[in-house]
């Protein structure tokens, strides 16, 4: 799956793109609506953890391939144009890491994905969220543990100039939706008038 910019031509043919073009009602939205109102949602591709395409996320998340995250963000943004997803969005808000995790990794992969999306759409990337607690990684947790682990750990700040706007949360992977939902709740707690949409690069089932 290496080479030819992001992946080889053979792998690109079988790339598991998210099949729904309905940004107002799809499997991501229905999962998130259990927590809070999300206006629109889409994702670039969906996979299970046994899929070789999972390695794309592993590479930019854990193996230092930060340029891959930007490239995937650009590709995802271009794909989402087909559904008119960007028409009402005002700004891109990456899901934050703890300061320790960002220092350890050298970057926030969600912020790099958002940067790639920004290059295509011209929308600004604004860091309006911070992660307040250094809890354990979500990676090895069960679905119920993920929900509990994400509760109350995100806070919104610096919303001046972004009140009453349509904000798009950007992350690398959505599984249960707990991280994105808690980020959306934090933004909504800070400003009730904002509309929130989400764009995880991948939907892992």
N, C-alpha and C. Protein backbone atom coordinates (compact mmCIF):
# COMPACT_ATOMS: atom_id res chain seq x y z
N UNK A 1 0.83 -1.20 0.00
CA UNK A 1 0.00 0.00 0.00
C UNK A 1 0.86 1.26 0.00
N UNK A 2 2.14 1.12 -0.32
CA UNK A 2 3.04 2.26 -0.36
C UNK A 2 3.21 2.74 -1.80
N UNK A 3 3.72 3.95 -1.96
CA UNK A 3 4.03 4.47 -3.29
C UNK A 3 2.86 5.19 -3.92
N UNK A 4 3.11 5.77 -5.08
CA UNK A 4 2.11 6.52 -5.84
C UNK A 4 1.38 7.51 -4.95
N UNK A 5 2.17 8.33 -4.28
CA UNK A 5 1.71 9.41 -3.41
C UNK A 5 1.15 8.89 -2.10
N UNK A 6 -0.07 8.35 -2.08
CA UNK A 6 -0.65 7.85 -0.85
C UNK A 6 -0.72 6.33 -0.84
N UNK A 7 -1.16 5.73 -1.94
CA UNK A 7 -1.25 4.28 -2.02
C UNK A 7 -1.10 3.86 -3.48
N UNK A 8 -0.83 2.59 -3.69
CA UNK A 8 -0.66 2.09 -5.04
C UNK A 8 -2.01 2.06 -5.77
N UNK A 9 -1.94 1.98 -7.09
CA UNK A 9 -3.16 2.00 -7.91
C UNK A 9 -4.05 0.80 -7.59
N UNK A 10 -3.47 -0.35 -7.33
CA UNK A 10 -4.24 -1.55 -7.01
C UNK A 10 -5.05 -1.35 -5.74
N UNK A 11 -4.38 -0.80 -4.71
CA UNK A 11 -5.09 -0.56 -3.43
C UNK A 11 -6.16 0.50 -3.58
N UNK A 12 -5.89 1.51 -4.42
CA UNK A 12 -6.86 2.59 -4.61
C UNK A 12 -8.16 2.09 -5.21
N UNK A 13 -8.07 1.05 -6.07
CA UNK A 13 -9.27 0.51 -6.70
C UNK A 13 -10.21 -0.07 -5.64
N UNK A 14 -9.64 -0.75 -4.65
CA UNK A 14 -10.47 -1.36 -3.61
C UNK A 14 -10.68 -0.50 -2.38
N UNK A 15 -10.33 0.78 -2.47
CA UNK A 15 -10.40 1.66 -1.30
C UNK A 15 -11.83 1.72 -0.75
N UNK A 16 -12.02 1.45 0.54
CA UNK A 16 -13.38 1.33 1.10
C UNK A 16 -14.01 2.68 1.43
N UNK A 17 -14.33 3.45 0.40
CA UNK A 17 -14.97 4.75 0.62
C UNK A 17 -16.31 4.60 1.33
N UNK A 18 -16.64 5.59 2.13
CA UNK A 18 -17.94 5.61 2.78
C UNK A 18 -19.01 5.79 1.72
N UNK A 19 -19.99 4.92 1.71
CA UNK A 19 -20.92 4.86 0.58
C UNK A 19 -22.07 5.87 0.64
N UNK A 20 -22.40 6.34 1.83
CA UNK A 20 -23.53 7.25 1.94
C UNK A 20 -23.15 8.66 1.48
N UNK A 21 -23.99 9.25 0.63
CA UNK A 21 -23.79 10.64 0.22
C UNK A 21 -24.77 11.57 0.93
N UNK A 22 -25.58 11.02 1.83
CA UNK A 22 -26.55 11.82 2.58
C UNK A 22 -25.86 12.37 3.83
N UNK A 23 -25.60 13.66 3.84
CA UNK A 23 -24.87 14.26 4.96
C UNK A 23 -25.80 14.63 6.12
N UNK A 24 -27.13 14.48 5.91
CA UNK A 24 -28.10 14.86 6.93
C UNK A 24 -28.66 13.67 7.70
N UNK A 25 -28.45 12.46 7.21
CA UNK A 25 -28.94 11.26 7.89
C UNK A 25 -28.11 10.08 7.41
N UNK A 26 -27.23 9.62 8.25
CA UNK A 26 -26.41 8.46 7.92
C UNK A 26 -25.99 7.76 9.21
N UNK A 27 -25.24 6.69 9.09
CA UNK A 27 -24.91 5.88 10.26
C UNK A 27 -24.07 6.64 11.29
N UNK A 28 -23.23 7.57 10.85
CA UNK A 28 -22.46 8.37 11.80
C UNK A 28 -23.38 9.27 12.62
N UNK A 29 -24.26 9.96 11.91
CA UNK A 29 -25.17 10.89 12.60
C UNK A 29 -26.06 10.16 13.59
N UNK A 30 -26.61 9.03 13.18
CA UNK A 30 -27.51 8.31 14.08
C UNK A 30 -26.80 7.87 15.35
N UNK A 31 -25.52 7.54 15.24
CA UNK A 31 -24.76 7.17 16.43
C UNK A 31 -24.52 8.37 17.33
N UNK A 32 -24.24 9.52 16.75
CA UNK A 32 -23.94 10.72 17.53
C UNK A 32 -25.19 11.37 18.12
N UNK A 33 -26.33 11.20 17.48
CA UNK A 33 -27.56 11.79 17.98
C UNK A 33 -27.96 11.24 19.35
N UNK A 34 -27.40 10.11 19.76
CA UNK A 34 -27.66 9.60 21.10
C UNK A 34 -27.12 10.55 22.17
N UNK A 35 -26.13 11.37 21.80
CA UNK A 35 -25.51 12.31 22.74
C UNK A 35 -26.01 13.74 22.57
N UNK A 36 -25.99 14.23 21.35
CA UNK A 36 -26.29 15.64 21.12
C UNK A 36 -26.66 15.85 19.65
N UNK A 37 -27.18 17.01 19.37
CA UNK A 37 -27.59 17.33 18.00
C UNK A 37 -26.36 17.65 17.15
N UNK A 38 -26.17 16.91 16.09
CA UNK A 38 -25.12 17.16 15.12
C UNK A 38 -25.80 17.42 13.78
N UNK A 39 -25.43 18.50 13.11
CA UNK A 39 -26.16 18.88 11.90
C UNK A 39 -25.82 17.98 10.72
N UNK A 40 -24.55 17.90 10.36
CA UNK A 40 -24.12 17.10 9.23
C UNK A 40 -22.96 16.21 9.66
N UNK A 41 -22.79 15.11 8.96
CA UNK A 41 -21.63 14.25 9.21
C UNK A 41 -21.27 13.50 7.94
N UNK A 42 -19.99 13.30 7.77
CA UNK A 42 -19.51 12.42 6.71
C UNK A 42 -18.18 11.86 7.15
N UNK A 43 -17.67 10.90 6.40
CA UNK A 43 -16.35 10.35 6.62
C UNK A 43 -15.79 9.96 5.27
N UNK A 44 -14.50 9.79 5.19
CA UNK A 44 -13.86 9.47 3.92
C UNK A 44 -13.95 7.98 3.61
N UNK A 45 -13.58 7.14 4.60
CA UNK A 45 -13.66 5.70 4.35
C UNK A 45 -13.98 4.97 5.64
N UNK A 46 -14.48 3.74 5.48
CA UNK A 46 -14.87 2.93 6.64
C UNK A 46 -14.19 1.57 6.53
N UNK A 47 -13.86 0.99 7.67
CA UNK A 47 -13.13 -0.27 7.68
C UNK A 47 -13.27 -0.94 9.03
N UNK A 48 -12.89 -2.21 9.09
CA UNK A 48 -12.74 -2.86 10.39
C UNK A 48 -11.25 -2.98 10.69
N UNK A 49 -10.93 -3.34 11.91
CA UNK A 49 -9.53 -3.32 12.34
C UNK A 49 -8.68 -4.43 11.71
N UNK A 50 -9.32 -5.33 10.99
CA UNK A 50 -8.57 -6.37 10.28
C UNK A 50 -8.27 -5.95 8.85
N UNK A 51 -8.74 -4.80 8.45
CA UNK A 51 -8.52 -4.32 7.09
C UNK A 51 -7.10 -3.78 6.93
N UNK A 52 -6.45 -4.04 5.79
CA UNK A 52 -5.11 -3.46 5.57
C UNK A 52 -5.14 -1.94 5.47
N UNK A 53 -6.30 -1.37 5.18
CA UNK A 53 -6.40 0.09 5.07
C UNK A 53 -6.27 0.77 6.43
N UNK A 54 -6.43 -0.01 7.49
CA UNK A 54 -6.20 0.51 8.84
C UNK A 54 -4.75 1.01 8.99
N UNK A 55 -3.84 0.44 8.19
CA UNK A 55 -2.43 0.83 8.27
C UNK A 55 -2.19 2.28 7.87
N UNK A 56 -3.08 2.85 7.05
CA UNK A 56 -2.94 4.26 6.70
C UNK A 56 -3.03 5.13 7.94
N UNK A 57 -3.98 4.83 8.80
CA UNK A 57 -4.14 5.59 10.04
C UNK A 57 -2.98 5.32 10.99
N UNK A 58 -2.58 4.06 11.10
CA UNK A 58 -1.46 3.71 11.98
C UNK A 58 -0.20 4.46 11.56
N UNK A 59 0.03 4.58 10.25
CA UNK A 59 1.25 5.23 9.76
C UNK A 59 1.33 6.69 10.18
N UNK A 60 0.24 7.45 10.00
CA UNK A 60 0.36 8.87 10.36
C UNK A 60 0.11 9.12 11.85
N UNK A 61 -0.52 8.17 12.52
CA UNK A 61 -0.82 8.38 13.93
C UNK A 61 0.34 7.95 14.84
N UNK A 62 1.00 6.86 14.48
CA UNK A 62 2.01 6.31 15.37
C UNK A 62 3.41 6.18 14.76
N UNK A 63 3.53 6.32 13.45
CA UNK A 63 4.82 6.09 12.81
C UNK A 63 5.44 7.36 12.24
N UNK A 64 4.94 8.51 12.67
CA UNK A 64 5.58 9.77 12.31
C UNK A 64 5.35 10.27 10.90
N UNK A 65 4.44 9.67 10.16
CA UNK A 65 4.21 10.08 8.77
C UNK A 65 3.21 11.24 8.73
N UNK A 66 3.65 12.39 9.23
CA UNK A 66 2.76 13.54 9.32
C UNK A 66 2.31 14.04 7.96
N UNK A 67 3.16 13.91 6.94
CA UNK A 67 2.79 14.36 5.60
C UNK A 67 1.63 13.56 5.05
N UNK A 68 1.52 12.29 5.47
CA UNK A 68 0.41 11.45 5.01
C UNK A 68 -0.92 11.98 5.54
N UNK A 69 -0.94 12.49 6.77
CA UNK A 69 -2.18 13.03 7.33
C UNK A 69 -2.66 14.23 6.52
N UNK A 70 -1.74 15.11 6.13
CA UNK A 70 -2.13 16.27 5.32
C UNK A 70 -2.67 15.81 3.97
N UNK A 71 -2.01 14.85 3.34
CA UNK A 71 -2.46 14.34 2.04
C UNK A 71 -3.84 13.70 2.14
N UNK A 72 -4.05 12.91 3.20
CA UNK A 72 -5.35 12.28 3.38
C UNK A 72 -6.44 13.32 3.64
N UNK A 73 -6.09 14.38 4.37
CA UNK A 73 -7.05 15.46 4.59
C UNK A 73 -7.46 16.13 3.27
N UNK A 74 -6.49 16.36 2.40
CA UNK A 74 -6.80 16.96 1.09
C UNK A 74 -7.71 16.04 0.28
N UNK A 75 -7.37 14.77 0.25
CA UNK A 75 -8.13 13.79 -0.53
C UNK A 75 -9.56 13.69 0.00
N UNK A 76 -9.70 13.63 1.32
CA UNK A 76 -11.02 13.54 1.94
C UNK A 76 -11.86 14.78 1.62
N UNK A 77 -11.24 15.96 1.66
CA UNK A 77 -11.96 17.20 1.39
C UNK A 77 -12.48 17.23 -0.05
N UNK A 78 -11.66 16.79 -0.98
CA UNK A 78 -12.09 16.77 -2.38
C UNK A 78 -13.25 15.80 -2.59
N UNK A 79 -13.18 14.65 -1.92
CA UNK A 79 -14.26 13.67 -2.04
C UNK A 79 -15.57 14.24 -1.48
N UNK A 80 -15.49 14.98 -0.36
CA UNK A 80 -16.69 15.51 0.28
C UNK A 80 -17.35 16.62 -0.54
N UNK A 81 -16.63 17.22 -1.46
CA UNK A 81 -17.21 18.26 -2.31
C UNK A 81 -18.36 17.71 -3.17
N UNK A 82 -18.32 16.42 -3.46
CA UNK A 82 -19.35 15.82 -4.31
C UNK A 82 -20.73 15.89 -3.67
N UNK A 83 -20.78 15.93 -2.34
CA UNK A 83 -22.06 15.98 -1.63
C UNK A 83 -22.45 17.39 -1.19
N UNK A 84 -21.63 18.38 -1.53
CA UNK A 84 -21.90 19.75 -1.10
C UNK A 84 -21.67 19.96 0.38
N UNK A 85 -20.84 19.11 0.97
CA UNK A 85 -20.64 19.12 2.41
C UNK A 85 -20.12 20.45 2.94
N UNK A 86 -19.28 21.13 2.16
CA UNK A 86 -18.59 22.32 2.64
C UNK A 86 -19.39 23.61 2.53
N UNK A 87 -20.57 23.55 1.94
CA UNK A 87 -21.30 24.77 1.59
C UNK A 87 -21.59 25.68 2.77
N UNK A 88 -21.87 25.12 3.96
CA UNK A 88 -22.30 25.94 5.09
C UNK A 88 -21.27 26.01 6.22
N UNK A 89 -20.12 25.37 6.06
CA UNK A 89 -19.13 25.30 7.13
C UNK A 89 -18.35 26.62 7.22
N UNK A 90 -18.12 27.09 8.45
CA UNK A 90 -17.36 28.33 8.66
C UNK A 90 -15.92 28.09 9.09
N UNK A 91 -15.66 27.01 9.82
CA UNK A 91 -14.30 26.78 10.32
C UNK A 91 -14.11 25.31 10.68
N UNK A 92 -12.85 24.88 10.66
CA UNK A 92 -12.47 23.52 10.99
C UNK A 92 -11.86 23.50 12.40
N UNK A 93 -12.39 22.64 13.25
CA UNK A 93 -11.94 22.55 14.64
C UNK A 93 -11.37 21.16 14.89
N UNK A 94 -10.04 21.01 14.97
CA UNK A 94 -9.47 19.68 15.23
C UNK A 94 -9.70 19.22 16.67
N UNK A 95 -9.92 17.93 16.83
CA UNK A 95 -10.00 17.34 18.17
C UNK A 95 -8.61 17.40 18.79
N UNK A 96 -8.48 17.94 20.00
CA UNK A 96 -7.14 18.14 20.58
C UNK A 96 -6.56 16.89 21.22
N UNK A 97 -5.22 16.89 21.34
CA UNK A 97 -4.50 15.93 22.16
C UNK A 97 -4.12 16.59 23.47
N UNK A 98 -3.73 15.79 24.45
CA UNK A 98 -3.10 16.38 25.63
C UNK A 98 -1.76 16.98 25.22
N UNK A 99 -1.25 17.92 26.01
CA UNK A 99 0.05 18.53 25.70
C UNK A 99 1.15 17.46 25.68
N UNK A 100 1.06 16.50 26.61
CA UNK A 100 2.07 15.45 26.66
C UNK A 100 2.04 14.60 25.40
N UNK A 101 0.84 14.20 24.96
CA UNK A 101 0.72 13.36 23.77
C UNK A 101 1.19 14.11 22.53
N UNK A 102 0.87 15.39 22.43
CA UNK A 102 1.32 16.17 21.28
C UNK A 102 2.83 16.33 21.28
N UNK A 103 3.41 16.56 22.44
CA UNK A 103 4.87 16.67 22.54
C UNK A 103 5.53 15.34 22.16
N UNK A 104 4.95 14.24 22.64
CA UNK A 104 5.50 12.92 22.38
C UNK A 104 5.44 12.57 20.90
N UNK A 105 4.33 12.89 20.26
CA UNK A 105 4.13 12.55 18.85
C UNK A 105 4.76 13.58 17.93
N UNK A 106 4.82 14.83 18.39
CA UNK A 106 5.39 15.90 17.57
C UNK A 106 4.36 16.67 16.79
N UNK A 107 3.12 16.25 16.82
CA UNK A 107 2.04 16.90 16.09
C UNK A 107 0.71 16.32 16.55
N UNK A 108 -0.36 17.03 16.22
CA UNK A 108 -1.72 16.52 16.42
C UNK A 108 -2.24 16.08 15.06
N UNK A 109 -2.46 14.79 14.89
CA UNK A 109 -2.86 14.27 13.58
C UNK A 109 -4.19 14.86 13.11
N UNK A 110 -5.11 15.17 14.02
CA UNK A 110 -6.38 15.78 13.63
C UNK A 110 -6.16 17.18 13.07
N UNK A 111 -5.20 17.90 13.64
CA UNK A 111 -4.88 19.23 13.15
C UNK A 111 -4.26 19.16 11.75
N UNK A 112 -3.44 18.14 11.49
CA UNK A 112 -2.85 17.98 10.16
C UNK A 112 -3.91 17.59 9.13
N UNK A 113 -4.84 16.73 9.52
CA UNK A 113 -5.96 16.41 8.63
C UNK A 113 -6.75 17.68 8.29
N UNK A 114 -7.02 18.48 9.31
CA UNK A 114 -7.75 19.74 9.10
C UNK A 114 -6.97 20.68 8.19
N UNK A 115 -5.65 20.71 8.34
CA UNK A 115 -4.83 21.56 7.49
C UNK A 115 -4.96 21.13 6.02
N UNK A 116 -4.95 19.82 5.77
CA UNK A 116 -5.14 19.34 4.42
C UNK A 116 -6.50 19.72 3.87
N UNK A 117 -7.54 19.60 4.69
CA UNK A 117 -8.88 20.00 4.28
C UNK A 117 -8.93 21.50 3.99
N UNK A 118 -8.23 22.28 4.80
CA UNK A 118 -8.20 23.73 4.62
C UNK A 118 -7.56 24.12 3.30
N UNK A 119 -6.53 23.38 2.89
CA UNK A 119 -5.86 23.68 1.63
C UNK A 119 -6.80 23.54 0.44
N UNK A 120 -7.76 22.65 0.56
CA UNK A 120 -8.73 22.42 -0.52
C UNK A 120 -9.90 23.38 -0.43
N UNK A 121 -10.40 23.63 0.78
CA UNK A 121 -11.64 24.39 0.96
C UNK A 121 -11.42 25.88 1.21
N UNK A 122 -10.23 26.25 1.68
CA UNK A 122 -9.97 27.64 2.06
C UNK A 122 -10.52 28.01 3.42
N UNK A 123 -11.09 27.05 4.15
CA UNK A 123 -11.65 27.32 5.48
C UNK A 123 -10.53 27.39 6.52
N UNK A 124 -10.69 28.26 7.53
CA UNK A 124 -9.65 28.37 8.56
C UNK A 124 -9.68 27.19 9.52
N UNK A 125 -8.50 26.84 10.04
CA UNK A 125 -8.37 25.86 11.11
C UNK A 125 -8.23 26.62 12.42
N UNK A 126 -9.15 26.40 13.35
CA UNK A 126 -9.13 27.13 14.62
C UNK A 126 -9.12 26.13 15.77
N UNK A 127 -8.19 26.32 16.70
CA UNK A 127 -8.07 25.44 17.85
C UNK A 127 -8.92 26.00 19.00
N UNK A 128 -10.16 25.59 19.04
CA UNK A 128 -11.09 26.10 20.03
C UNK A 128 -11.28 25.16 21.22
N UNK A 129 -10.66 23.99 21.16
CA UNK A 129 -10.84 22.99 22.21
C UNK A 129 -9.51 22.65 22.87
N UNK A 130 -9.59 22.27 24.12
CA UNK A 130 -8.41 21.74 24.81
C UNK A 130 -8.83 20.51 25.59
N UNK A 131 -7.90 19.61 25.73
CA UNK A 131 -8.16 18.39 26.50
C UNK A 131 -7.64 18.60 27.90
N UNK A 132 -8.50 18.42 28.88
CA UNK A 132 -8.17 18.84 30.24
C UNK A 132 -7.57 17.75 31.11
N UNK A 133 -7.71 16.49 30.72
CA UNK A 133 -7.20 15.41 31.55
C UNK A 133 -6.42 14.43 30.71
N UNK A 134 -5.39 13.87 31.29
CA UNK A 134 -4.57 12.89 30.60
C UNK A 134 -5.03 11.49 30.99
N UNK A 135 -6.16 11.09 30.44
CA UNK A 135 -6.66 9.75 30.72
C UNK A 135 -5.99 8.76 29.76
N UNK A 136 -6.30 7.50 29.93
CA UNK A 136 -5.66 6.48 29.10
C UNK A 136 -6.16 6.57 27.67
N UNK A 137 -5.34 6.06 26.74
CA UNK A 137 -5.68 6.08 25.32
C UNK A 137 -6.96 5.30 25.08
N UNK A 138 -7.73 5.76 24.09
CA UNK A 138 -8.97 5.07 23.72
C UNK A 138 -8.70 3.78 22.95
N UNK A 139 -7.49 3.61 22.44
CA UNK A 139 -7.22 2.57 21.44
C UNK A 139 -7.60 1.17 21.89
N UNK A 140 -7.27 0.82 23.14
CA UNK A 140 -7.48 -0.55 23.60
C UNK A 140 -8.74 -0.73 24.45
N UNK A 141 -9.61 0.27 24.47
CA UNK A 141 -10.78 0.21 25.35
C UNK A 141 -11.99 -0.39 24.64
N UNK A 142 -12.88 -0.97 25.43
CA UNK A 142 -14.16 -1.43 24.90
C UNK A 142 -15.05 -0.22 24.59
N UNK A 143 -16.15 -0.47 23.91
CA UNK A 143 -17.05 0.63 23.57
C UNK A 143 -17.55 1.37 24.80
N UNK A 144 -17.97 0.63 25.83
CA UNK A 144 -18.47 1.28 27.03
C UNK A 144 -17.36 2.03 27.76
N UNK A 145 -16.17 1.47 27.78
CA UNK A 145 -15.03 2.15 28.40
C UNK A 145 -14.66 3.43 27.66
N UNK A 146 -14.79 3.41 26.33
CA UNK A 146 -14.52 4.61 25.53
C UNK A 146 -15.49 5.73 25.91
N UNK A 147 -16.75 5.39 26.07
CA UNK A 147 -17.75 6.39 26.43
C UNK A 147 -17.40 7.05 27.77
N UNK A 148 -17.09 6.24 28.75
CA UNK A 148 -16.78 6.78 30.08
C UNK A 148 -15.48 7.55 30.08
N UNK A 149 -14.50 7.09 29.32
CA UNK A 149 -13.18 7.71 29.31
C UNK A 149 -13.21 9.12 28.71
N UNK A 150 -14.14 9.36 27.78
CA UNK A 150 -14.18 10.64 27.08
C UNK A 150 -15.05 11.69 27.77
N UNK A 151 -15.80 11.29 28.78
CA UNK A 151 -16.74 12.22 29.40
C UNK A 151 -16.04 13.36 30.13
N UNK A 152 -16.38 14.58 29.78
CA UNK A 152 -15.94 15.74 30.53
C UNK A 152 -14.49 16.14 30.39
N UNK A 153 -13.77 15.58 29.41
CA UNK A 153 -12.33 15.89 29.34
C UNK A 153 -12.01 16.98 28.32
N UNK A 154 -13.03 17.48 27.61
CA UNK A 154 -12.79 18.55 26.64
C UNK A 154 -13.43 19.85 27.10
N UNK A 155 -12.75 20.95 26.86
CA UNK A 155 -13.25 22.27 27.19
C UNK A 155 -13.05 23.19 26.00
N UNK A 156 -14.02 24.08 25.79
CA UNK A 156 -13.93 25.05 24.69
C UNK A 156 -13.38 26.36 25.24
N UNK A 157 -12.57 27.03 24.43
CA UNK A 157 -12.02 28.33 24.81
C UNK A 157 -11.87 29.18 23.56
N UNK A 158 -11.69 30.48 23.76
CA UNK A 158 -11.42 31.43 22.67
C UNK A 158 -12.50 31.38 21.58
N UNK A 159 -13.78 31.40 21.97
CA UNK A 159 -14.84 31.38 20.97
C UNK A 159 -15.17 32.76 20.42
N UNK A 160 -14.50 33.80 20.95
CA UNK A 160 -14.75 35.14 20.42
C UNK A 160 -14.49 35.14 18.91
N UNK A 161 -15.45 35.66 18.18
CA UNK A 161 -15.34 35.67 16.72
C UNK A 161 -15.91 34.44 16.05
N UNK A 162 -16.23 33.41 16.84
CA UNK A 162 -16.77 32.18 16.27
C UNK A 162 -18.13 31.82 16.87
N UNK A 163 -18.77 32.80 17.47
CA UNK A 163 -20.10 32.56 18.02
C UNK A 163 -21.14 32.62 16.89
N UNK A 164 -22.11 31.71 16.98
CA UNK A 164 -23.15 31.66 15.97
C UNK A 164 -22.68 31.11 14.64
N UNK A 165 -21.56 30.38 14.64
CA UNK A 165 -20.99 29.84 13.41
C UNK A 165 -21.26 28.34 13.29
N UNK A 166 -21.03 27.85 12.09
CA UNK A 166 -21.14 26.41 11.82
C UNK A 166 -19.73 25.83 11.87
N UNK A 167 -19.44 25.08 12.93
CA UNK A 167 -18.10 24.56 13.19
C UNK A 167 -18.03 23.08 12.86
N UNK A 168 -16.94 22.70 12.20
CA UNK A 168 -16.75 21.30 11.82
C UNK A 168 -15.66 20.67 12.66
N UNK A 169 -16.01 19.63 13.42
CA UNK A 169 -15.04 18.87 14.19
C UNK A 169 -14.33 17.87 13.28
N UNK A 170 -13.01 17.87 13.35
CA UNK A 170 -12.19 16.98 12.51
C UNK A 170 -11.40 16.04 13.42
N UNK A 171 -11.45 14.73 13.10
CA UNK A 171 -10.67 13.75 13.85
C UNK A 171 -10.21 12.66 12.90
N UNK A 172 -9.36 11.77 13.41
CA UNK A 172 -8.83 10.72 12.55
C UNK A 172 -9.78 9.53 12.45
N UNK A 173 -10.26 9.02 13.58
CA UNK A 173 -11.09 7.81 13.58
C UNK A 173 -12.30 8.00 14.47
N UNK A 174 -13.45 7.54 14.00
CA UNK A 174 -14.65 7.47 14.84
C UNK A 174 -15.02 6.01 15.01
N UNK A 175 -15.20 5.60 16.26
CA UNK A 175 -15.68 4.25 16.56
C UNK A 175 -17.06 4.37 17.23
N UNK A 176 -17.08 4.56 18.54
CA UNK A 176 -18.36 4.74 19.23
C UNK A 176 -18.93 6.14 19.02
N UNK A 177 -18.08 7.10 18.70
CA UNK A 177 -18.52 8.49 18.58
C UNK A 177 -18.36 9.28 19.86
N UNK A 178 -17.83 8.66 20.93
CA UNK A 178 -17.77 9.33 22.23
C UNK A 178 -16.87 10.57 22.21
N UNK A 179 -15.73 10.49 21.54
CA UNK A 179 -14.82 11.64 21.51
C UNK A 179 -15.46 12.82 20.79
N UNK A 180 -15.97 12.58 19.59
CA UNK A 180 -16.58 13.67 18.82
C UNK A 180 -17.80 14.22 19.52
N UNK A 181 -18.60 13.35 20.13
CA UNK A 181 -19.79 13.82 20.84
C UNK A 181 -19.42 14.70 22.02
N UNK A 182 -18.41 14.32 22.78
CA UNK A 182 -18.01 15.13 23.93
C UNK A 182 -17.37 16.45 23.50
N UNK A 183 -16.67 16.46 22.37
CA UNK A 183 -16.16 17.72 21.83
C UNK A 183 -17.31 18.63 21.40
N UNK A 184 -18.31 18.05 20.75
CA UNK A 184 -19.48 18.83 20.34
C UNK A 184 -20.20 19.40 21.55
N UNK A 185 -20.34 18.61 22.61
CA UNK A 185 -20.99 19.09 23.83
C UNK A 185 -20.21 20.24 24.45
N UNK A 186 -18.87 20.16 24.42
CA UNK A 186 -18.06 21.23 24.98
C UNK A 186 -18.24 22.53 24.20
N UNK A 187 -18.29 22.44 22.87
CA UNK A 187 -18.52 23.63 22.06
C UNK A 187 -19.91 24.20 22.30
N UNK A 188 -20.88 23.32 22.45
CA UNK A 188 -22.25 23.78 22.66
C UNK A 188 -22.44 24.37 24.06
N UNK A 189 -21.74 23.83 25.04
CA UNK A 189 -21.81 24.40 26.39
C UNK A 189 -21.25 25.81 26.40
N UNK A 190 -20.23 26.05 25.58
CA UNK A 190 -19.60 27.37 25.54
C UNK A 190 -20.42 28.37 24.75
N UNK A 191 -21.18 27.90 23.77
CA UNK A 191 -21.96 28.81 22.93
C UNK A 191 -23.13 28.04 22.32
N UNK A 192 -24.33 28.30 22.83
CA UNK A 192 -25.51 27.55 22.41
C UNK A 192 -25.87 27.79 20.94
N UNK A 193 -25.47 28.93 20.39
CA UNK A 193 -25.90 29.28 19.05
C UNK A 193 -25.10 28.65 17.93
N UNK A 194 -24.04 27.91 18.25
CA UNK A 194 -23.24 27.29 17.20
C UNK A 194 -23.90 26.04 16.65
N UNK A 195 -23.74 25.83 15.35
CA UNK A 195 -24.10 24.55 14.74
C UNK A 195 -22.82 23.72 14.65
N UNK A 196 -22.97 22.42 14.89
CA UNK A 196 -21.81 21.53 14.92
C UNK A 196 -22.00 20.40 13.91
N UNK A 197 -21.00 20.19 13.07
CA UNK A 197 -20.94 19.04 12.19
C UNK A 197 -19.63 18.30 12.45
N UNK A 198 -19.51 17.08 11.92
CA UNK A 198 -18.31 16.29 12.19
C UNK A 198 -17.78 15.64 10.91
N UNK A 199 -16.46 15.50 10.86
CA UNK A 199 -15.81 14.84 9.73
C UNK A 199 -14.61 14.03 10.26
N UNK A 200 -14.86 12.81 10.75
CA UNK A 200 -13.73 11.92 11.02
C UNK A 200 -13.21 11.37 9.70
N UNK A 201 -11.91 11.23 9.58
CA UNK A 201 -11.37 10.68 8.33
C UNK A 201 -11.90 9.28 8.08
N UNK A 202 -11.99 8.49 9.13
CA UNK A 202 -12.43 7.09 8.98
C UNK A 202 -13.50 6.76 9.98
N UNK A 203 -14.31 5.76 9.62
CA UNK A 203 -15.34 5.21 10.50
C UNK A 203 -14.99 3.75 10.69
N UNK A 204 -14.55 3.37 11.89
CA UNK A 204 -14.13 2.01 12.18
C UNK A 204 -15.27 1.26 12.85
N UNK A 205 -15.62 0.13 12.31
CA UNK A 205 -16.73 -0.64 12.87
C UNK A 205 -16.26 -2.02 13.31
